[in-house]
Protein backbone atom coordinates (compact mmCIF):
# COMPACT_ATOMS: atom_id res chain seq x y z
CA MET A 1 -27.02 -14.14 -51.98
CA VAL A 2 -28.61 -10.64 -52.26
CA GLY A 3 -32.03 -10.70 -54.05
CA GLN A 4 -34.05 -7.84 -55.42
CA GLY A 5 -35.07 -5.13 -52.98
CA GLY A 6 -32.42 -5.54 -50.49
CA LEU A 7 -33.66 -8.88 -49.33
CA GLU A 8 -30.99 -11.40 -48.17
CA LEU A 9 -31.81 -15.05 -48.77
CA LEU A 10 -30.33 -17.32 -46.06
CA GLN A 11 -31.01 -20.85 -46.18
CA GLY A 12 -34.29 -20.59 -48.04
CA ARG A 13 -35.50 -17.68 -45.68
CA SER A 14 -35.84 -14.05 -46.59
CA VAL A 15 -34.26 -11.88 -44.01
CA MET A 16 -35.19 -8.10 -44.01
CA PRO A 17 -31.97 -5.80 -43.48
CA ALA A 18 -31.84 -4.38 -40.01
CA ASP A 19 -33.61 -1.00 -39.84
CA LYS A 20 -31.68 1.56 -37.89
CA ASN A 21 -34.76 3.75 -37.29
CA ARG A 22 -36.74 1.06 -35.86
CA PRO A 23 -38.37 1.59 -32.33
CA PRO A 24 -36.95 -0.48 -29.64
CA ASP A 25 -38.84 -3.79 -29.29
CA SER A 26 -39.70 -5.35 -25.89
CA SER A 27 -36.38 -7.52 -26.10
CA ASP A 28 -34.43 -4.34 -26.19
CA ARG A 29 -36.28 -2.87 -23.27
CA ALA A 30 -35.74 -6.13 -21.20
CA THR A 31 -32.09 -6.10 -21.94
CA VAL A 32 -31.93 -2.38 -20.77
CA ALA A 33 -34.13 -3.15 -17.64
CA ALA A 34 -31.99 -6.01 -16.68
CA LEU A 35 -28.85 -3.94 -17.02
CA ILE A 36 -30.06 -1.38 -14.79
CA PHE A 37 -31.13 -3.93 -12.34
CA VAL A 38 -27.68 -5.59 -12.14
CA ILE A 39 -25.84 -2.17 -11.87
CA VAL A 40 -28.40 -1.07 -8.95
CA LEU A 41 -27.83 -4.47 -7.37
CA VAL A 42 -24.13 -4.09 -7.50
CA ALA A 43 -24.34 -0.50 -6.03
CA VAL A 44 -26.48 -1.83 -3.29
CA CYS A 45 -24.24 -4.71 -2.47
CA VAL A 46 -21.09 -2.27 -2.37
CA TRP A 47 -22.76 0.15 -0.11
CA VAL A 48 -24.02 -2.97 2.18
CA PHE A 49 -20.70 -4.30 2.61
CA SER A 50 -19.13 -0.72 3.27
CA GLU A 51 -21.57 -0.49 5.92
CA LEU A 52 -20.65 -3.85 7.47
CA LYS A 53 -17.10 -3.29 7.35
CA SER A 54 -17.41 0.12 9.23
CA ARG A 55 -19.66 -1.54 11.97
CA ASN A 56 -17.22 -4.32 12.23
CA ASP A 57 -14.35 -1.52 12.67
CA GLU A 58 -16.27 -0.12 15.24
CA LEU A 59 -16.88 -3.30 17.04
CA ASN A 60 -13.33 -4.38 16.96
CA CYS A 61 -12.39 -1.10 18.53
CA VAL A 62 -14.88 -1.45 21.27
CA VAL A 63 -13.97 -5.15 21.81
CA SER A 64 -10.42 -4.21 22.31
CA GLY A 65 -11.07 -1.87 25.21
CA ARG A 66 -10.75 1.51 23.62
CA THR A 67 -13.08 4.34 24.74
CA ASN A 68 -12.64 6.73 21.73
CA CYS A 69 -14.15 4.56 18.74
CA ALA A 70 -16.66 6.91 17.33
CA PRO A 71 -15.86 7.62 13.59
CA PRO A 72 -14.45 10.98 12.94
CA SER A 73 -17.28 13.63 12.33
CA GLN A 74 -17.33 15.44 9.11
């Protein structure tokens, strides 16, 4: 039910309509911070796993008895 002044009555409580011009509150900042943290964590994990795979490939080359196991220089 919509009352006067744009207030919505929901189970006996008045709820103000969402203000699109409101400044972000701490909940929004925490959500953005958590998202950035997860993205950085995934990027670091991908980098660590790629480094581990590279080292493992070099180790397998050395263990197999090859002498030219250095990665190609760029």
